[in-house]
Protein backbone atom coordinates (compact mmCIF):
# COMPACT_ATOMS: atom_id res chain seq x y z
CA MET A 1 53.76 213.65 45.98
CA SER A 2 52.22 216.45 48.01
CA VAL A 3 49.34 218.90 47.69
CA SER A 4 50.43 222.48 47.06
CA LYS A 5 48.37 225.64 46.79
CA GLU A 6 51.12 227.06 44.57
CA SER A 7 50.53 224.46 41.85
CA ALA A 8 48.50 225.34 38.77
CA ARG A 9 46.70 222.00 39.00
CA PRO A 10 43.45 221.95 41.00
CA MET A 11 44.06 220.81 44.57
CA TYR A 12 41.46 218.06 44.43
CA ARG A 13 43.32 216.50 41.48
CA GLN A 14 46.62 216.76 43.35
CA LEU A 15 45.02 215.05 46.34
CA ALA A 16 43.49 212.31 44.17
CA ASP A 17 46.87 211.67 42.48
CA THR A 18 48.63 211.48 45.86
CA LEU A 19 46.14 208.92 47.16
CA LYS A 20 46.37 206.96 43.89
CA ASP A 21 50.15 206.77 44.26
CA GLU A 22 49.70 205.39 47.79
CA ILE A 23 47.21 202.80 46.53
CA TYR A 24 49.33 201.72 43.55
CA SER A 25 52.51 201.55 45.63
CA GLY A 26 50.81 199.33 48.21
CA GLN A 27 50.96 201.85 51.07
CA ILE A 28 47.18 201.51 51.27
CA GLN A 29 46.09 197.94 50.60
CA PRO A 30 42.77 196.72 49.14
CA GLY A 31 40.14 196.80 51.89
CA GLU A 32 42.00 199.44 53.92
CA THR A 33 40.64 202.93 54.55
CA ILE A 34 42.21 205.93 52.84
CA GLY A 35 41.41 207.94 55.96
CA SER A 36 38.30 209.70 57.12
CA GLN A 37 37.25 212.97 55.53
CA ARG A 38 38.42 214.89 58.59
CA GLN A 39 41.75 213.02 58.66
CA LEU A 40 42.40 213.87 55.01
CA GLU A 41 41.49 217.51 55.57
CA GLU A 42 43.95 217.75 58.46
CA ARG A 43 46.67 215.68 56.84
CA PHE A 44 46.76 217.72 53.60
CA ASN A 45 45.47 221.02 54.97
CA VAL A 46 42.64 221.16 52.44
CA SER A 47 38.93 221.94 52.52
CA THR A 48 35.99 219.54 52.78
CA VAL A 49 35.06 220.31 49.17
CA THR A 50 38.57 219.39 47.99
CA VAL A 51 38.46 216.05 49.82
CA ARG A 52 34.99 215.20 48.48
CA ARG A 53 35.95 215.99 44.89
CA ALA A 54 39.16 213.95 45.18
CA ILE A 55 37.27 210.96 46.57
CA GLN A 56 34.74 211.24 43.76
CA LEU A 57 37.57 211.06 41.22
CA LEU A 58 38.87 207.89 42.87
CA LYS A 59 35.37 206.42 42.87
CA ASP A 60 34.91 207.28 39.19
CA GLU A 61 38.12 205.35 38.43
CA GLY A 62 36.89 202.36 40.42
CA LEU A 63 39.67 202.56 43.00
CA VAL A 64 37.61 203.16 46.16
CA ILE A 65 34.18 202.49 47.60
CA THR A 66 32.37 204.47 50.27
CA ASN A 67 30.34 202.80 53.01
CA HIS A 68 28.18 205.49 54.55
CA GLY A 69 28.91 205.83 58.24
CA LYS A 70 32.08 203.72 57.93
CA GLY A 71 34.36 205.59 55.53
CA THR A 72 36.08 205.21 52.18
CA TYR A 73 38.12 202.10 51.42
CA VAL A 74 40.37 200.88 48.64
CA LYS A 75 38.23 198.63 46.49
CA PRO A 76 38.91 194.95 47.18
CA THR A 77 40.42 193.23 44.15
CA ASN A 78 39.93 189.69 42.99
CA LYS A 79 43.41 189.11 41.66
CA LEU A 80 43.80 187.02 38.55
CA GLU A 81 46.12 184.18 39.45
CA GLN A 82 48.18 182.01 37.14
CA HIS A 83 49.33 178.62 38.39
CA LEU A 84 52.73 177.86 36.86
CA VAL A 85 52.11 174.21 36.22
CA HIS A 86 51.13 173.98 32.55
CA LEU A 87 51.99 176.03 29.48
CA GLN A 88 48.96 178.30 29.02
CA SER A 89 48.12 181.45 27.14
CA PHE A 90 46.85 184.50 29.00
CA SER A 91 43.41 183.96 27.46
CA GLU A 92 43.31 180.39 28.76
CA VAL A 93 44.19 181.57 32.27
CA LEU A 94 41.29 184.04 32.21
CA GLU A 95 38.86 181.49 30.79
CA GLU A 96 39.71 179.05 33.60
CA GLN A 97 38.70 181.72 36.13
CA GLY A 98 35.50 182.61 34.30
CA VAL A 99 36.77 186.06 33.32
CA HIS A 100 35.71 187.62 30.02
CA SER A 101 38.36 189.82 28.46
CA GLN A 102 38.72 192.10 25.47
CA THR A 103 41.79 192.35 23.25
CA HIS A 104 43.07 195.42 21.44
CA ILE A 105 45.79 195.05 18.82
CA ILE A 106 48.01 198.12 19.09
CA LYS A 107 50.59 197.06 16.49
CA ALA A 108 51.17 194.10 14.18
CA GLU A 109 54.08 194.37 11.76
CA MET A 110 57.12 192.63 10.34
CA LEU A 111 60.37 194.03 11.72
CA PRO A 112 63.97 193.32 10.71
CA MET A 113 65.92 191.47 13.34
CA GLU A 114 68.50 194.25 13.62
CA ASP A 115 65.77 196.46 15.08
CA LEU A 116 65.09 193.89 17.80
CA GLU A 117 68.57 193.08 19.07
CA GLU A 118 67.81 194.22 22.63
CA HIS A 119 65.04 191.61 22.91
CA ASP A 120 67.42 188.66 22.60
CA LEU A 121 65.37 186.70 20.07
CA PRO A 122 66.60 183.23 19.12
CA PRO A 123 68.58 183.01 15.85
CA ASP A 124 66.08 180.38 14.63
CA PHE A 125 63.64 183.27 14.04
CA GLY A 126 65.68 184.28 10.96
CA SER A 127 66.20 187.81 9.69
CA VAL A 128 62.64 189.07 10.23
CA SER A 129 60.19 188.79 13.15
CA PHE A 130 56.45 189.42 13.27
CA TYR A 131 55.85 191.84 16.15
CA ILE A 132 52.48 192.14 17.91
CA GLU A 133 51.59 194.63 20.64
CA ARG A 134 48.38 193.51 22.32
CA LEU A 135 46.46 195.03 25.23
CA HIS A 136 44.19 192.84 27.37
CA LEU A 137 41.26 194.44 29.19
CA VAL A 138 38.78 193.18 31.80
CA ASP A 139 35.64 195.27 32.37
CA ASP A 140 37.16 197.86 30.02
CA GLN A 141 40.19 198.25 32.32
CA PRO A 142 43.67 197.33 31.00
CA VAL A 143 45.17 194.45 33.00
CA ALA A 144 48.07 193.26 30.85
CA LEU A 145 50.20 194.34 27.91
CA ALA A 146 51.77 191.68 25.72
CA LEU A 147 54.70 192.28 23.38
CA ILE A 148 54.87 189.23 21.11
CA TYR A 149 57.61 188.19 18.67
CA LEU A 150 57.02 185.39 16.18
CA PRO A 151 59.12 183.89 13.40
CA ALA A 152 58.09 185.32 10.05
CA PHE A 153 56.83 181.96 8.76
CA ILE A 154 54.23 181.95 11.56
CA GLY A 155 53.38 185.65 11.57
CA GLU A 156 52.73 185.87 7.84
CA GLN A 157 49.92 183.31 8.19
CA LEU A 158 48.00 185.23 10.86
CA THR A 159 45.47 188.03 10.37
CA ILE A 160 44.59 190.95 12.63
CA GLU A 161 41.05 189.63 13.07
CA GLU A 162 42.40 186.24 14.16
CA LEU A 163 44.75 187.87 16.65
CA LYS A 164 41.86 189.83 18.15
CA ALA A 165 39.74 186.72 18.62
CA HIS A 166 42.26 184.01 19.49
CA SER A 167 45.43 183.49 21.50
CA VAL A 168 48.65 182.92 19.58
CA TYR A 169 48.89 179.43 21.08
CA GLU A 170 45.43 178.59 19.77
CA LEU A 171 46.33 179.81 16.28
CA ILE A 172 49.64 177.94 16.25
CA GLU A 173 47.96 174.70 17.29
CA LYS A 174 44.60 174.85 15.53
CA LYS A 175 45.28 176.91 12.42
CA LEU A 176 48.89 175.95 11.72
CA GLY A 177 48.66 172.40 13.08
CA MET A 178 51.81 172.68 15.21
CA THR A 179 52.12 171.04 18.62
CA LEU A 180 53.52 173.13 21.45
CA GLY A 181 56.05 171.57 23.77
CA LYS A 182 57.89 173.40 26.55
CA ALA A 183 58.64 176.98 27.53
CA GLU A 184 61.19 178.87 29.60
CA GLN A 185 59.84 181.75 31.70
CA THR A 186 61.24 184.41 34.00
CA ILE A 187 59.30 186.82 36.24
CA GLU A 188 60.62 190.04 37.73
CA ALA A 189 59.48 193.38 39.11
CA CYS A 190 59.92 196.54 37.05
CA PRO A 191 58.70 200.15 37.02
CA ALA A 192 56.10 201.27 34.48
CA MET A 193 57.78 203.47 31.89
CA ASP A 194 56.72 205.51 28.86
CA GLU A 195 54.35 203.68 26.49
CA VAL A 196 53.81 200.75 28.88
CA ALA A 197 52.61 203.12 31.61
CA ALA A 198 50.35 204.97 29.18
CA LEU A 199 48.73 201.81 27.80
CA LEU A 200 48.16 200.28 31.24
CA GLN A 201 46.84 203.66 32.44
CA VAL A 202 49.21 203.88 35.40
CA LYS A 203 51.65 206.58 36.45
CA GLU A 204 55.30 206.18 35.47
CA ASN A 205 57.33 204.15 37.99
CA THR A 206 54.24 202.28 39.22
CA PRO A 207 55.47 198.77 40.13
CA LEU A 208 54.62 196.11 37.56
CA LEU A 209 55.22 192.41 37.14
CA ARG A 210 57.16 191.54 33.98
CA ALA A 211 57.10 187.99 32.65
CA GLU A 212 59.26 186.90 29.74
CA ARG A 213 58.64 183.55 28.07
CA LEU A 214 60.18 181.66 25.17
CA SER A 215 57.96 178.87 23.86
CA PHE A 216 59.02 175.89 21.75
CA SER A 217 57.23 173.45 19.50
CA GLU A 218 57.20 169.75 20.24
CA ASP A 219 60.17 169.53 17.86
CA ASN A 220 62.07 172.04 20.04
CA ILE A 221 61.76 174.89 17.52
CA PRO A 222 61.31 178.38 19.08
CA VAL A 223 57.87 179.62 18.01
CA GLU A 224 57.15 182.61 20.26
CA LYS A 225 58.95 185.11 22.48
CA ILE A 226 56.61 187.17 24.66
CA GLU A 227 57.04 189.97 27.19
CA PHE A 228 54.04 190.49 29.48
CA TYR A 229 53.50 193.49 31.76
CA TYR A 230 50.92 193.18 34.56
CA HIS A 231 49.82 195.55 37.29
CA HIS A 232 50.76 193.92 40.61
CA SER A 233 47.31 194.66 42.07
CA VAL A 234 45.44 192.56 39.49
CA TYR A 235 47.70 189.62 38.67
CA SER A 236 49.81 187.13 40.56
CA PHE A 237 51.63 183.86 39.97
CA ARG A 238 51.42 180.74 42.09
CA ILE A 239 53.66 177.70 41.98
CA LYS A 240 53.57 174.55 44.08
CA LEU A 241 56.97 173.39 45.34
CA THR A 242 58.07 170.04 46.69
CA ARG A 243 61.16 169.42 48.76
CA ALA A 244 64.05 168.06 46.70
CA ASP A 245 65.60 164.82 47.84
CA GLN A 246 68.36 165.54 50.30
CA MET A 247 71.27 163.37 51.38
CA THR A 248 71.15 163.08 55.13
CA MET A 249 74.10 164.42 57.07
CA TRP A 250 72.99 162.79 60.30
CA PRO A 251 74.23 159.38 61.35
CA ASP A 252 71.73 156.51 61.36
């Protein structure tokens, strides 16, 4: 993205959007400078006023901080980090790190399975699935979007108020008295598109982390399929690996 005097959009907004793209794409990392005022003026051929207004927009969005006499830097982030050791809900991960979050329920409805074929839900779910779209926020900023699919026999026992206040795992275990067992999870990179981009308040094609998990009860019954979308700058996964036993190829 460039800054053009021919565009109908104000130049300071064009400049702010260009710098935001560089921050979100990782070209400018947390703690790094976005460039001095003079450097930005020369780089984009814009006025001092344009640069100052663009920086103020970035500051208003919490993306940068200015140290007088030193310059403007991308705001350091304390990434939320999930250790892939135990089966945990997103809420439990945040609680472990002392982070208070808010939850907004965007949708909660029963959907026929034929409308959900692309999501590869297990046949054990039956002909209907309870679909929940839930946005997680920290300090009023969206950090994760969860698309949750539950078998109807679980979904029909849950209320909107319960889903706002509790994780699905907590409701399954404490309200329904079921014991969770194992889960299968994949993690991949993907671009932010359409509604996902809008809800996470990022530009389309911003890189995201996408985690997909299928959870089972202790009796090996599928009880939840979830798709999570995280902004790469606020969330990461960590796993500890040990070397598998190897047969030696060297002579004794």
